[in-house]
Amino acid sequence: MDEAARRRLVDALTITAAAPTDPDALWCRDRYYDELDTRFDAGFDRDPGGAGGAGGDADMAPPAGRFVVARVDGRPVGCGGLVVRAPANAPAFAEVKRMWVDDALRGLGIGYRILDALEAGAREMGHDLVRLDSARALTEAHALYRRCGYAEIPRYNDNPYAHFWFEKRLA
């Protein structure tokens, strides 16, 4: 794809709030799970009762959470969600979940814009701390998080797929 075509794609990009049950949100989430299943050595369990925690998507519905879908010319190309976590002996925080960008469109800044929208959502919900976890296979995501000011922190959850944990204080 030439540079002009890439620029047109970015210019046509929209990122909007969506219910986690919206058909485009579900389509993106399923592509995300498909990708995890192929990239993880032992696959990915998407069963709602399994380690993938697919049943937790209801937590991403307003007012408690957020979910966004990125679209180019009306076609879904990415997504991400926020879940609020309130640990017993620590301040509450917003956690980024289910962040995904169509592989064919990576490198265009779509992931950055999704993450920016999620951070704005966290601020709107009154949170100045955002955390996320990530698997070792998702190296592109780690680079994005670091570029966006996320710092690696010690484990904060028991996600069996996570190998890295990050956080960012929002200004």
Protein backbone atom coordinates (compact mmCIF):
# COMPACT_ATOMS: atom_id res chain seq x y z
CA MET A 1 0.00 0.00 0.00
CA ASP A 2 1.47 3.36 -0.97
CA GLU A 3 1.80 6.26 1.47
CA ALA A 4 -1.18 8.17 0.02
CA ALA A 5 -3.45 5.15 0.43
CA ARG A 6 -2.23 4.65 4.01
CA ARG A 7 -2.94 8.31 4.77
CA ARG A 8 -6.46 8.01 3.34
CA LEU A 9 -7.12 5.03 5.61
CA VAL A 10 -6.04 6.97 8.67
CA ASP A 11 -8.12 9.98 7.59
CA ALA A 12 -11.17 7.69 7.28
CA LEU A 13 -10.65 6.20 10.75
CA THR A 14 -13.30 6.71 13.41
CA ILE A 15 -13.24 5.46 16.97
CA THR A 16 -16.57 5.36 18.72
CA ALA A 17 -18.02 3.97 21.92
CA ALA A 18 -19.88 0.70 21.50
CA ALA A 19 -21.61 -1.77 23.73
CA PRO A 20 -19.47 -4.88 24.20
CA THR A 21 -22.41 -6.78 22.67
CA ASP A 22 -22.53 -4.63 19.53
CA PRO A 23 -22.05 -6.82 16.40
CA ASP A 24 -18.89 -4.93 15.36
CA ALA A 25 -17.51 -5.19 18.91
CA LEU A 26 -18.17 -8.92 18.96
CA TRP A 27 -16.61 -9.34 15.51
CA CYS A 28 -13.43 -7.54 16.64
CA ARG A 29 -13.30 -9.44 19.92
CA ASP A 30 -13.60 -12.74 18.06
CA ARG A 31 -10.74 -11.76 15.71
CA TYR A 32 -8.70 -10.84 18.80
CA TYR A 33 -9.36 -14.27 20.33
CA ASP A 34 -8.56 -15.97 17.01
CA GLU A 35 -5.22 -14.17 16.90
CA LEU A 36 -4.38 -15.08 20.50
CA ASP A 37 -5.20 -18.70 19.74
CA THR A 38 -2.70 -18.75 16.87
CA ARG A 39 0.05 -16.71 18.58
CA PHE A 40 0.07 -18.43 21.98
CA ASP A 41 2.10 -21.64 22.13
CA ALA A 42 -0.70 -23.54 23.91
CA GLY A 43 -3.59 -21.70 22.21
CA PHE A 44 -6.20 -19.57 23.96
CA ASP A 45 -9.24 -20.70 25.95
CA ARG A 46 -12.09 -18.34 25.06
CA ASP A 47 -14.67 -20.25 27.15
CA PRO A 48 -16.44 -17.78 29.49
CA GLY A 49 -15.50 -19.97 32.44
CA GLY A 50 -11.97 -20.50 31.18
CA ALA A 51 -8.79 -18.60 31.78
CA GLY A 52 -9.53 -16.26 28.88
CA GLY A 53 -12.32 -14.68 30.87
CA ALA A 54 -14.49 -13.99 27.83
CA GLY A 55 -17.47 -13.76 30.17
CA GLY A 56 -16.11 -10.56 31.69
CA ASP A 57 -17.06 -8.37 28.74
CA ALA A 58 -20.20 -7.12 30.53
CA ASP A 59 -17.80 -5.20 32.81
CA MET A 60 -16.95 -3.02 29.81
CA ALA A 61 -20.45 -1.58 29.49
CA PRO A 62 -21.10 1.97 30.74
CA PRO A 63 -21.30 3.40 33.27
CA ALA A 64 -18.79 1.06 34.94
CA GLY A 65 -16.60 0.42 31.89
CA ARG A 66 -16.04 1.39 28.28
CA PHE A 67 -15.62 -0.31 24.92
CA VAL A 68 -14.58 1.33 21.66
CA VAL A 69 -14.53 0.15 18.06
CA ALA A 70 -12.23 1.60 15.40
CA ARG A 71 -13.69 1.67 11.90
CA VAL A 72 -12.40 2.62 8.47
CA ASP A 73 -15.20 3.54 6.07
CA GLY A 74 -17.66 1.87 8.45
CA ARG A 75 -15.73 -1.43 8.58
CA PRO A 76 -14.49 -2.54 12.02
CA VAL A 77 -10.69 -2.70 12.19
CA GLY A 78 -9.90 -2.58 15.91
CA CYS A 79 -11.24 -2.43 19.43
CA GLY A 80 -10.43 -2.03 23.08
CA GLY A 81 -12.14 -1.94 26.43
CA LEU A 82 -11.82 -0.65 29.95
CA VAL A 83 -12.77 -2.45 33.14
CA VAL A 84 -12.62 -0.81 36.56
CA ARG A 85 -10.74 -2.77 39.20
CA ALA A 86 -11.05 -1.96 42.91
CA PRO A 87 -8.54 -4.04 44.90
CA ALA A 88 -9.22 -4.43 48.62
CA ASN A 89 -6.15 -2.56 49.86
CA ALA A 90 -5.29 -0.30 46.94
CA PRO A 91 -6.84 2.52 44.92
CA ALA A 92 -9.19 1.63 42.07
CA PHE A 93 -7.84 1.78 38.52
CA ALA A 94 -9.00 1.35 34.93
CA GLU A 95 -7.67 -1.75 33.16
CA VAL A 96 -7.26 -1.95 29.38
CA LYS A 97 -8.68 -5.19 27.96
CA ARG A 98 -9.31 -6.76 24.52
CA MET A 99 -7.17 -4.26 22.60
CA TRP A 100 -6.77 -5.39 19.00
CA VAL A 101 -6.00 -3.94 15.54
CA ASP A 102 -6.46 -5.78 12.24
CA ASP A 103 -3.06 -7.14 11.25
CA ALA A 104 -3.33 -5.69 7.73
CA LEU A 105 -3.62 -2.17 9.20
CA ARG A 106 -0.98 -2.27 11.90
CA GLY A 107 1.65 0.43 11.79
CA LEU A 108 -0.81 3.19 10.89
CA GLY A 109 -1.31 4.54 14.42
CA ILE A 110 -4.70 2.90 14.95
CA GLY A 111 -3.56 1.17 18.15
CA TYR A 112 -2.28 4.49 19.46
CA ARG A 113 -5.62 6.15 18.76
CA ILE A 114 -7.57 3.31 20.40
CA LEU A 115 -5.34 3.53 23.49
CA ASP A 116 -5.75 7.32 23.55
CA ALA A 117 -9.56 6.92 23.43
CA LEU A 118 -9.43 4.40 26.28
CA GLU A 119 -7.28 6.72 28.37
CA ALA A 120 -9.79 9.53 27.75
CA GLY A 121 -12.54 7.15 28.89
CA ALA A 122 -10.60 6.35 32.06
CA ARG A 123 -10.30 10.08 32.82
CA GLU A 124 -14.04 10.57 32.19
CA MET A 125 -14.74 7.79 34.70
CA GLY A 126 -12.53 9.57 37.25
CA HIS A 127 -9.45 7.34 37.07
CA ASP A 128 -5.90 8.63 36.80
CA LEU A 129 -4.26 5.20 36.85
CA VAL A 130 -4.47 2.76 33.94
CA ARG A 131 -3.05 -0.74 34.01
CA LEU A 132 -2.87 -3.63 31.57
CA ASP A 133 -1.32 -7.04 31.20
CA SER A 134 0.11 -8.67 28.12
CA ALA A 135 1.45 -11.98 26.87
CA ARG A 136 5.05 -12.38 25.73
CA ALA A 137 3.96 -13.12 22.15
CA LEU A 138 2.41 -9.66 21.70
CA THR A 139 5.65 -7.77 21.15
CA GLU A 140 4.07 -5.08 18.96
CA ALA A 141 1.71 -4.22 21.80
CA HIS A 142 4.58 -3.94 24.30
CA ALA A 143 6.33 -1.45 22.03
CA LEU A 144 3.13 0.62 21.73
CA TYR A 145 2.57 0.67 25.48
CA ARG A 146 6.13 1.78 26.17
CA ARG A 147 5.94 4.49 23.47
CA CYS A 148 2.74 5.75 25.09
CA GLY A 149 4.34 6.12 28.52
CA TYR A 150 3.42 2.83 30.17
CA ALA A 151 6.00 1.46 32.59
CA GLU A 152 6.47 -2.19 33.42
CA ILE A 153 5.34 -3.08 36.95
CA PRO A 154 5.20 -6.23 39.09
CA ARG A 155 2.35 -8.71 38.57
CA TYR A 156 -0.98 -7.30 39.78
CA ASN A 157 -3.36 -10.08 38.69
CA ASP A 158 -3.51 -13.82 38.16
CA ASN A 159 -4.10 -13.88 34.39
CA PRO A 160 -2.40 -17.13 33.32
CA TYR A 161 -1.68 -15.71 29.85
CA ALA A 162 0.11 -12.59 31.13
CA HIS A 163 3.88 -12.29 31.28
CA PHE A 164 4.12 -8.48 31.47
CA TRP A 165 2.20 -5.90 33.48
CA PHE A 166 2.17 -2.17 32.75
CA GLU A 167 0.72 1.01 34.23
CA LYS A 168 0.47 4.68 33.41
CA ARG A 169 -0.53 7.66 35.50
CA LEU A 170 -2.71 9.96 33.46
CA ALA A 171 -2.01 13.68 33.62
